[in-house]
Amino acid sequence: MTHRGFALLATLWLIVALATVVGLALASGRLGALASRNRVVLTRGRWAAEACLAIVQARWAEHRLTDTATIDLGRTTACSWSVEDPTAKINVNTASRQELVQLLGLPDSLTLREPVTDVDELRRVPGWDSAWMSVLTVDGPGTVNASSATASVLGVLPGMTPEAVEAVVSRREFGRPLTNLDALAGALSAHARATLLASYADLAREITFTAPQLIVTADGWVGSKVEAPHATVQVLVVPLPERLAVIRRRMS
């Protein structure tokens, strides 16, 4: 009876072991199939994102770049894109210490590690505020676009008095944006004009009235936009009359 009991126990353990091996093999097969499917989906998503960038180039030539509605590419594949003007913000790598301190409301003792390659690196700075994300960038040539920057960003530039900032913002809101510094100076009172002219050379180096660069982020996916994995291609471009010249590309 003892030998029979041991034999039965060994048989049961063998069955359990075989069942475990079979289960692991099936699970591994399912994971492999799922991984393969995800790779295929991401590859199709990347193709979709690249297709969106081609559409962006066509829309730019047609002066329809702001038309960023989702594009149905067929076979449950779709893409969309967004456009950002990095010069609407302060470039943390080129701005002066005084401009950063004034813009962020931090003490003069603030020290930032340079160069910063990603705005997220600033999260380690004492006093970090998530609102900084709306006013800081690491992209662009370091100039500030008066046609898109906020009043808080414009206000830290040399020679930009509250009156000068108000003149830029109000003219922009009424659809009659200023196109150069001389036009801005002509729209100011004598005192504000004198302040601007005293810093004219410095301000001219830091301000622009058109976007010298743009960031285009294209997303591609297969199936549900909410649930499906997305492939993203981001390009930094220089707007030219007939095309967008790509000077940097990132993929994720």
C-alpha atoms as a PDB file:
ATOM      1  CA  MET A   1       0.000   0.000   0.000  1.00  0.00           C
ATOM      2  CA  THR A   2       2.894   2.309   0.788  1.00  0.00           C
ATOM      3  CA  HIS A   3       4.490   1.746  -2.610  1.00  0.00           C
ATOM      4  CA  ARG A   4       1.139   2.297  -4.318  1.00  0.00           C
ATOM      5  CA  GLY A   5       0.661   5.569  -2.400  1.00  0.00           C
ATOM      6  CA  PHE A   6       4.054   6.861  -3.415  1.00  0.00           C
ATOM      7  CA  ALA A   7       3.421   5.851  -7.023  1.00  0.00           C
ATOM      8  CA  LEU A   8       0.081   7.660  -7.021  1.00  0.00           C
ATOM      9  CA  LEU A   9       1.631  10.770  -5.459  1.00  0.00           C
ATOM     10  CA  ALA A  10       4.438  10.744  -8.026  1.00  0.00           C
ATOM     11  CA  THR A  11       1.920  10.399 -10.824  1.00  0.00           C
ATOM     12  CA  LEU A  12      -0.102  13.333  -9.511  1.00  0.00           C
ATOM     13  CA  TRP A  13       3.011  15.493  -9.240  1.00  0.00           C
ATOM     14  CA  LEU A  14       3.968  14.541 -12.779  1.00  0.00           C
ATOM     15  CA  ILE A  15       0.530  15.541 -14.027  1.00  0.00           C
ATOM     16  CA  VAL A  16       0.786  18.865 -12.199  1.00  0.00           C
ATOM     17  CA  ALA A  17       4.239  19.496 -13.650  1.00  0.00           C
ATOM     18  CA  LEU A  18       3.109  18.683 -17.176  1.00  0.00           C
ATOM     19  CA  ALA A  19       0.042  20.887 -16.783  1.00  0.00           C
ATOM     20  CA  THR A  20       2.260  23.733 -15.576  1.00  0.00           C
ATOM     21  CA  VAL A  21       4.632  23.329 -18.520  1.00  0.00           C
ATOM     22  CA  VAL A  22       1.734  23.255 -20.967  1.00  0.00           C
ATOM     23  CA  GLY A  23       0.176  26.311 -19.303  1.00  0.00           C
ATOM     24  CA  LEU A  24       3.438  28.243 -19.455  1.00  0.00           C
ATOM     25  CA  ALA A  25       3.905  27.272 -23.082  1.00  0.00           C
ATOM     26  CA  LEU A  26       0.389  28.470 -23.935  1.00  0.00           C
ATOM     27  CA  ALA A  27       0.873  31.698 -21.975  1.00  0.00           C
ATOM     28  CA  SER A  28       4.202  32.276 -23.677  1.00  0.00           C
ATOM     29  CA  GLY A  29       2.587  31.674 -27.043  1.00  0.00           C
ATOM     30  CA  ARG A  30      -0.199  34.142 -26.265  1.00  0.00           C
ATOM     31  CA  LEU A  31       2.312  36.758 -25.093  1.00  0.00           C
ATOM     32  CA  GLY A  32       4.379  36.207 -28.215  1.00  0.00           C
ATOM     33  CA  ALA A  33       1.317  36.573 -30.417  1.00  0.00           C
ATOM     34  CA  LEU A  34       0.270  39.704 -28.522  1.00  0.00           C
ATOM     35  CA  ALA A  35       3.763  41.177 -28.816  1.00  0.00           C
ATOM     36  CA  SER A  36       3.812  40.433 -32.533  1.00  0.00           C
ATOM     37  CA  ARG A  37       0.396  42.033 -32.962  1.00  0.00           C
ATOM     38  CA  ASN A  38       1.508  45.129 -31.041  1.00  0.00           C
ATOM     39  CA  ARG A  39       4.596  45.424 -33.227  1.00  0.00           C
ATOM     40  CA  VAL A  40       2.434  45.237 -36.322  1.00  0.00           C
ATOM     41  CA  VAL A  41      -0.002  47.797 -34.897  1.00  0.00           C
ATOM     42  CA  LEU A  42       2.814  50.179 -33.947  1.00  0.00           C
ATOM     43  CA  THR A  43       4.405  49.790 -37.370  1.00  0.00           C
ATOM     44  CA  ARG A  44       1.102  50.652 -39.042  1.00  0.00           C
ATOM     45  CA  GLY A  45       0.702  53.524 -36.597  1.00  0.00           C
ATOM     46  CA  ARG A  46       4.144  54.838 -37.531  1.00  0.00           C
ATOM     47  CA  TRP A  47       3.237  54.670 -41.207  1.00  0.00           C
ATOM     48  CA  ALA A  48       0.062  56.591 -40.396  1.00  0.00           C
ATOM     49  CA  ALA A  49       2.047  59.250 -38.515  1.00  0.00           C
ATOM     50  CA  GLU A  50       4.417  59.606 -41.471  1.00  0.00           C
ATOM     51  CA  ALA A  51       1.394  59.925 -43.765  1.00  0.00           C
ATOM     52  CA  CYS A  52       0.130  62.728 -41.553  1.00  0.00           C
ATOM     53  CA  LEU A  53       3.435  64.571 -41.925  1.00  0.00           C
ATOM     54  CA  ALA A  54       3.071  64.334 -45.698  1.00  0.00           C
ATOM     55  CA  ILE A  55      -0.452  65.755 -45.362  1.00  0.00           C
ATOM     56  CA  VAL A  56       0.936  68.553 -43.165  1.00  0.00           C
ATOM     57  CA  GLN A  57       3.364  69.492 -45.938  1.00  0.00           C
ATOM     58  CA  ALA A  58       0.467  69.672 -48.419  1.00  0.00           C
ATOM     59  CA  ARG A  59      -1.693  71.691 -46.003  1.00  0.00           C
ATOM     60  CA  TRP A  60       1.159  74.159 -45.473  1.00  0.00           C
ATOM     61  CA  ALA A  61       1.395  74.771 -49.220  1.00  0.00           C
ATOM     62  CA  GLU A  62      -2.387  75.323 -49.234  1.00  0.00           C
ATOM     63  CA  HIS A  63      -2.238  77.665 -46.193  1.00  0.00           C
ATOM     64  CA  ARG A  64      -4.375  75.211 -44.197  1.00  0.00           C
ATOM     65  CA  LEU A  65      -1.910  74.096 -41.538  1.00  0.00           C
ATOM     66  CA  THR A  66      -4.343  74.805 -38.699  1.00  0.00           C
ATOM     67  CA  ASP A  67      -6.785  72.236 -40.108  1.00  0.00           C
ATOM     68  CA  THR A  68      -5.683  69.399 -37.785  1.00  0.00           C
ATOM     69  CA  ALA A  69      -8.808  67.221 -37.813  1.00  0.00           C
ATOM     70  CA  THR A  70      -8.283  63.460 -37.541  1.00  0.00           C
ATOM     71  CA  ILE A  71      -7.558  61.880 -40.925  1.00  0.00           C
ATOM     72  CA  ASP A  72      -9.126  58.494 -41.718  1.00  0.00           C
ATOM     73  CA  LEU A  73      -6.545  56.584 -43.758  1.00  0.00           C
ATOM     74  CA  GLY A  74      -8.710  53.497 -44.236  1.00  0.00           C
ATOM     75  CA  ARG A  75      -8.637  49.967 -42.776  1.00  0.00           C
ATOM     76  CA  THR A  76      -9.184  51.348 -39.227  1.00  0.00           C
ATOM     77  CA  THR A  77      -5.976  53.378 -39.498  1.00  0.00           C
ATOM     78  CA  ALA A  78      -6.029  57.080 -38.659  1.00  0.00           C
ATOM     79  CA  CYS A  79      -3.774  59.977 -37.721  1.00  0.00           C
ATOM     80  CA  SER A  80      -3.866  63.504 -36.383  1.00  0.00           C
ATOM     81  CA  TRP A  81      -1.325  66.225 -35.710  1.00  0.00           C
ATOM     82  CA  SER A  82      -0.714  69.316 -33.649  1.00  0.00           C
ATOM     83  CA  VAL A  83       1.395  72.391 -34.341  1.00  0.00           C
ATOM     84  CA  GLU A  84       3.292  74.337 -31.688  1.00  0.00           C
ATOM     85  CA  ASP A  85       5.250  77.554 -31.995  1.00  0.00           C
ATOM     86  CA  PRO A  86       8.259  77.170 -29.658  1.00  0.00           C
ATOM     87  CA  THR A  87       8.983  80.881 -29.927  1.00  0.00           C
ATOM     88  CA  ALA A  88       5.743  81.578 -28.082  1.00  0.00           C
ATOM     89  CA  LYS A  89       7.754  80.615 -24.989  1.00  0.00           C
ATOM     90  CA  ILE A  90      11.083  81.488 -23.392  1.00  0.00           C
ATOM     91  CA  ASN A  91      13.961  79.193 -24.325  1.00  0.00           C
ATOM     92  CA  VAL A  92      15.469  78.208 -20.997  1.00  0.00           C
ATOM     93  CA  ASN A  93      18.895  77.702 -22.578  1.00  0.00           C
ATOM     94  CA  THR A  94      19.174  81.137 -24.183  1.00  0.00           C
ATOM     95  CA  ALA A  95      17.187  83.407 -21.847  1.00  0.00           C
ATOM     96  CA  SER A  96      19.110  85.584 -19.411  1.00  0.00           C
ATOM     97  CA  ARG A  97      19.112  84.763 -15.705  1.00  0.00           C
ATOM     98  CA  GLN A  98      17.162  87.950 -15.033  1.00  0.00           C
ATOM     99  CA  GLU A  99      14.449  87.011 -17.551  1.00  0.00           C
ATOM    100  CA  LEU A 100      13.997  83.551 -16.026  1.00  0.00           C
ATOM    101  CA  VAL A 101      13.902  84.892 -12.482  1.00  0.00           C
ATOM    102  CA  GLN A 102      11.332  87.537 -13.436  1.00  0.00           C
ATOM    103  CA  LEU A 103       9.190  85.157 -15.483  1.00  0.00           C
ATOM    104  CA  LEU A 104       9.129  82.329 -12.937  1.00  0.00           C
ATOM    105  CA  GLY A 105       8.923  84.489  -9.822  1.00  0.00           C
ATOM    106  CA  LEU A 106      11.932  82.830  -8.191  1.00  0.00           C
ATOM    107  CA  PRO A 107      14.736  84.343  -6.103  1.00  0.00           C
ATOM    108  CA  ASP A 108      17.870  85.806  -7.680  1.00  0.00           C
ATOM    109  CA  SER A 109      19.857  82.891  -6.266  1.00  0.00           C
ATOM    110  CA  LEU A 110      18.187  80.505  -8.742  1.00  0.00           C
ATOM    111  CA  THR A 111      20.703  78.382 -10.619  1.00  0.00           C
ATOM    112  CA  LEU A 112      19.657  76.282 -13.604  1.00  0.00           C
ATOM    113  CA  ARG A 113      21.800  73.497 -15.027  1.00  0.00           C
ATOM    114  CA  GLU A 114      22.612  74.182 -18.672  1.00  0.00           C
ATOM    115  CA  PRO A 115      22.076  73.055 -21.266  1.00  0.00           C
ATOM    116  CA  VAL A 116      18.623  71.651 -20.594  1.00  0.00           C
ATOM    117  CA  THR A 117      17.618  69.126 -23.253  1.00  0.00           C
ATOM    118  CA  ASP A 118      14.107  68.471 -21.910  1.00  0.00           C
ATOM    119  CA  VAL A 119      11.800  70.816 -20.013  1.00  0.00           C
ATOM    120  CA  ASP A 120      10.974  67.914 -17.670  1.00  0.00           C
ATOM    121  CA  GLU A 121      14.510  68.247 -16.271  1.00  0.00           C
ATOM    122  CA  LEU A 122      13.346  71.453 -14.595  1.00  0.00           C
ATOM    123  CA  ARG A 123      11.180  69.395 -12.245  1.00  0.00           C
ATOM    124  CA  ARG A 124      14.292  68.947 -10.120  1.00  0.00           C
ATOM    125  CA  VAL A 125      14.695  72.694  -9.613  1.00  0.00           C
ATOM    126  CA  PRO A 126      13.646  73.835  -6.097  1.00  0.00           C
ATOM    127  CA  GLY A 127      10.272  75.586  -6.277  1.00  0.00           C
ATOM    128  CA  TRP A 128       9.173  73.735  -9.431  1.00  0.00           C
ATOM    129  CA  ASP A 129       5.705  74.757 -10.615  1.00  0.00           C
ATOM    130  CA  SER A 130       3.786  72.862 -13.304  1.00  0.00           C
ATOM    131  CA  ALA A 131       2.732  76.249 -14.747  1.00  0.00           C
ATOM    132  CA  TRP A 132       6.298  76.643 -16.024  1.00  0.00           C
ATOM    133  CA  MET A 133       5.490  74.182 -18.802  1.00  0.00           C
ATOM    134  CA  SER A 134       3.306  76.821 -20.457  1.00  0.00           C
ATOM    135  CA  VAL A 135       6.078  79.435 -20.652  1.00  0.00           C
ATOM    136  CA  LEU A 136       9.344  77.506 -21.040  1.00  0.00           C
ATOM    137  CA  THR A 137      10.818  75.544 -23.942  1.00  0.00           C
ATOM    138  CA  VAL A 138      14.123  74.029 -25.015  1.00  0.00           C
ATOM    139  CA  ASP A 139      13.285  74.289 -28.722  1.00  0.00           C
ATOM    140  CA  GLY A 140      13.564  77.133 -31.178  1.00  0.00           C
ATOM    141  CA  PRO A 141      16.355  79.611 -31.889  1.00  0.00           C
ATOM    142  CA  GLY A 142      15.842  81.549 -28.648  1.00  0.00           C
ATOM    143  CA  THR A 143      13.758  84.423 -29.994  1.00  0.00           C
ATOM    144  CA  VAL A 144      10.231  85.226 -28.804  1.00  0.00           C
ATOM    145  CA  ASN A 145       7.417  85.590 -31.323  1.00  0.00           C
ATOM    146  CA  ALA A 146       5.371  88.680 -30.515  1.00  0.00           C
ATOM    147  CA  SER A 147       2.547  87.287 -32.653  1.00  0.00           C
ATOM    148  CA  SER A 148       1.995  84.281 -30.352  1.00  0.00           C
ATOM    149  CA  ALA A 149       3.718  84.804 -26.978  1.00  0.00           C
ATOM    150  CA  THR A 150       1.696  85.546 -23.852  1.00  0.00           C
ATOM    151  CA  ALA A 151       1.838  88.864 -22.049  1.00  0.00           C
ATOM    152  CA  SER A 152       3.888  87.333 -19.218  1.00  0.00           C
ATOM    153  CA  VAL A 153       6.549  86.137 -21.660  1.00  0.00           C
ATOM    154  CA  LEU A 154       6.651  89.445 -23.571  1.00  0.00           C
ATOM    155  CA  GLY A 155       6.898  91.374 -20.322  1.00  0.00           C
ATOM    156  CA  VAL A 156      10.341  89.999 -19.417  1.00  0.00           C
ATOM    157  CA  LEU A 157      11.989  91.118 -22.666  1.00  0.00           C
ATOM    158  CA  PRO A 158      14.248  94.198 -22.499  1.00  0.00           C
ATOM    159  CA  GLY A 159      12.445  97.467 -23.153  1.00  0.00           C
ATOM    160  CA  MET A 160       8.969  95.892 -23.072  1.00  0.00           C
ATOM    161  CA  THR A 161       6.963  98.059 -20.694  1.00  0.00           C
ATOM    162  CA  PRO A 162       3.397  97.107 -19.696  1.00  0.00           C
ATOM    163  CA  GLU A 163       2.200  99.610 -22.310  1.00  0.00           C
ATOM    164  CA  ALA A 164       4.286  97.962 -25.022  1.00  0.00           C
ATOM    165  CA  VAL A 165       3.002  94.519 -24.045  1.00  0.00           C
ATOM    166  CA  GLU A 166      -0.576  95.768 -24.092  1.00  0.00           C
ATOM    167  CA  ALA A 167      -0.055  97.311 -27.531  1.00  0.00           C
ATOM    168  CA  VAL A 168       1.219  93.997 -28.943  1.00  0.00           C
ATOM    169  CA  VAL A 169      -1.513  91.873 -27.365  1.00  0.00           C
ATOM    170  CA  SER A 170      -4.413  94.219 -28.144  1.00  0.00           C
ATOM    171  CA  ARG A 171      -3.424  94.686 -31.793  1.00  0.00           C
ATOM    172  CA  ARG A 172      -3.076  90.919 -32.116  1.00  0.00           C
ATOM    173  CA  GLU A 173      -6.523  90.291 -30.613  1.00  0.00           C
ATOM    174  CA  PHE A 174      -8.116  92.761 -33.018  1.00  0.00           C
ATOM    175  CA  GLY A 175      -6.596  90.978 -36.001  1.00  0.00           C
ATOM    176  CA  ARG A 176      -4.121  93.753 -36.778  1.00  0.00           C
ATOM    177  CA  PRO A 177      -0.849  92.371 -35.378  1.00  0.00           C
ATOM    178  CA  LEU A 178       2.275  94.501 -35.373  1.00  0.00           C
ATOM    179  CA  THR A 179       4.880  93.341 -37.846  1.00  0.00           C
ATOM    180  CA  ASN A 180       8.109  94.942 -36.621  1.00  0.00           C
ATOM    181  CA  LEU A 181       9.695  96.890 -33.787  1.00  0.00           C
ATOM    182  CA  ASP A 182       9.392 100.250 -35.531  1.00  0.00           C
ATOM    183  CA  ALA A 183       5.629  99.772 -35.829  1.00  0.00           C
ATOM    184  CA  LEU A 184       5.502  98.911 -32.114  1.00  0.00           C
ATOM    185  CA  ALA A 185       7.534 102.000 -31.186  1.00  0.00           C
ATOM    186  CA  GLY A 186       5.189 104.158 -33.242  1.00  0.00           C
ATOM    187  CA  ALA A 187       2.180 102.859 -31.307  1.00  0.00           C
ATOM    188  CA  LEU A 188       3.566 103.890 -27.890  1.00  0.00           C
ATOM    189  CA  SER A 189       3.538 107.012 -25.765  1.00  0.00           C
ATOM    190  CA  ALA A 190       6.709 109.090 -25.568  1.00  0.00           C
ATOM    191  CA  HIS A 191       7.858 107.547 -22.269  1.00  0.00           C
ATOM    192  CA  ALA A 192       7.230 103.920 -23.324  1.00  0.00           C
ATOM    193  CA  ARG A 193       8.822 104.600 -26.714  1.00  0.00           C
ATOM    194  CA  ALA A 194      11.952 106.007 -25.049  1.00  0.00           C
ATOM    195  CA  THR A 195      12.228 102.914 -22.828  1.00  0.00           C
ATOM    196  CA  LEU A 196      11.902 100.612 -25.828  1.00  0.00           C
ATOM    197  CA  LEU A 197      14.413 102.578 -27.911  1.00  0.00           C
ATOM    198  CA  ALA A 198      16.920 102.529 -25.043  1.00  0.00           C
ATOM    199  CA  SER A 199      16.938  98.708 -25.265  1.00  0.00           C
ATOM    200  CA  TYR A 200      16.264  98.518 -29.008  1.00  0.00           C
ATOM    201  CA  ALA A 201      19.407  96.569 -29.934  1.00  0.00           C
ATOM    202  CA  ASP A 202      18.907  93.956 -27.194  1.00  0.00           C
ATOM    203  CA  LEU A 203      15.198  93.638 -27.908  1.00  0.00           C
ATOM    204  CA  ALA A 204      15.776  93.261 -31.650  1.00  0.00           C
ATOM    205  CA  ARG A 205      17.936  90.211 -30.950  1.00  0.00           C
ATOM    206  CA  GLU A 206      15.267  88.578 -28.800  1.00  0.00           C
ATOM    207  CA  ILE A 207      11.968  89.353 -30.513  1.00  0.00           C
ATOM    208  CA  THR A 208      10.440  88.291 -33.807  1.00  0.00           C
ATOM    209  CA  PHE A 209       7.038  88.867 -35.377  1.00  0.00           C
ATOM    210  CA  THR A 210       6.743  85.568 -37.244  1.00  0.00           C
ATOM    211  CA  ALA A 211       7.489  81.982 -36.238  1.00  0.00           C
ATOM    212  CA  PRO A 212      11.017  81.056 -37.402  1.00  0.00           C
ATOM    213  CA  GLN A 213      10.432  77.420 -36.392  1.00  0.00           C
ATOM    214  CA  LEU A 214       7.470  75.153 -35.667  1.00  0.00           C
ATOM    215  CA  ILE A 215       7.068  71.826 -33.887  1.00  0.00           C
ATOM    216  CA  VAL A 216       4.727  69.400 -35.671  1.00  0.00           C
ATOM    217  CA  THR A 217       3.671  66.300 -33.714  1.00  0.00           C
ATOM    218  CA  ALA A 218       1.921  63.563 -35.695  1.00  0.00           C
ATOM    219  CA  ASP A 219       0.146  60.620 -34.038  1.00  0.00           C
ATOM    220  CA  GLY A 220      -0.857  57.444 -35.867  1.00  0.00           C
ATOM    221  CA  TRP A 221      -2.912  54.511 -34.588  1.00  0.00           C
ATOM    222  CA  VAL A 222      -4.975  51.504 -35.619  1.00  0.00           C
ATOM    223  CA  GLY A 223      -8.433  50.954 -34.175  1.00  0.00           C
ATOM    224  CA  SER A 224      -9.736  53.003 -31.252  1.00  0.00           C
ATOM    225  CA  LYS A 225      -7.969  56.304 -30.704  1.00  0.00           C
ATOM    226  CA  VAL A 226      -8.401  55.949 -26.947  1.00  0.00           C
ATOM    227  CA  GLU A 227      -7.365  52.316 -26.490  1.00  0.00           C
ATOM    228  CA  ALA A 228      -4.925  51.604 -29.321  1.00  0.00           C
ATOM    229  CA  PRO A 229      -1.173  52.166 -28.895  1.00  0.00           C
ATOM    230  CA  HIS A 230      -0.023  55.323 -30.656  1.00  0.00           C
ATOM    231  CA  ALA A 231       3.101  55.906 -32.727  1.00  0.00           C
ATOM    232  CA  THR A 232       4.346  59.490 -32.576  1.00  0.00           C
ATOM    233  CA  VAL A 233       6.676  61.347 -34.903  1.00  0.00           C
ATOM    234  CA  GLN A 234       7.704  64.880 -33.934  1.00  0.00           C
ATOM    235  CA  VAL A 235       9.601  67.176 -36.265  1.00  0.00           C
ATOM    236  CA  LEU A 236      11.107  70.605 -35.790  1.00  0.00           C
ATOM    237  CA  VAL A 237      10.665  72.534 -39.018  1.00  0.00           C
ATOM    238  CA  VAL A 238      11.557  75.852 -40.592  1.00  0.00           C
ATOM    239  CA  PRO A 239       8.561  77.343 -42.465  1.00  0.00           C
ATOM    240  CA  LEU A 240       9.515  78.183 -46.029  1.00  0.00           C
ATOM    241  CA  PRO A 241       7.128  79.615 -48.661  1.00  0.00           C
ATOM    242  CA  GLU A 242       6.434  76.275 -50.382  1.00  0.00           C
ATOM    243  CA  ARG A 243       7.396  73.667 -47.791  1.00  0.00           C
ATOM    244  CA  LEU A 244       8.351  72.916 -44.198  1.00  0.00           C
ATOM    245  CA  ALA A 245      12.078  72.126 -43.977  1.00  0.00           C
ATOM    246  CA  VAL A 246      12.705  69.451 -41.324  1.00  0.00           C
ATOM    247  CA  ILE A 247      15.759  70.101 -39.149  1.00  0.00           C
ATOM    248  CA  ARG A 248      15.111  67.540 -36.382  1.00  0.00           C
ATOM    249  CA  ARG A 249      13.047  64.368 -36.037  1.00  0.00           C
ATOM    250  CA  ARG A 250      12.012  62.381 -32.967  1.00  0.00           C
ATOM    251  CA  MET A 251      10.071  59.116 -32.896  1.00  0.00           C
ATOM    252  CA  SER A 252       8.288  57.303 -30.074  1.00  0.00           C
END
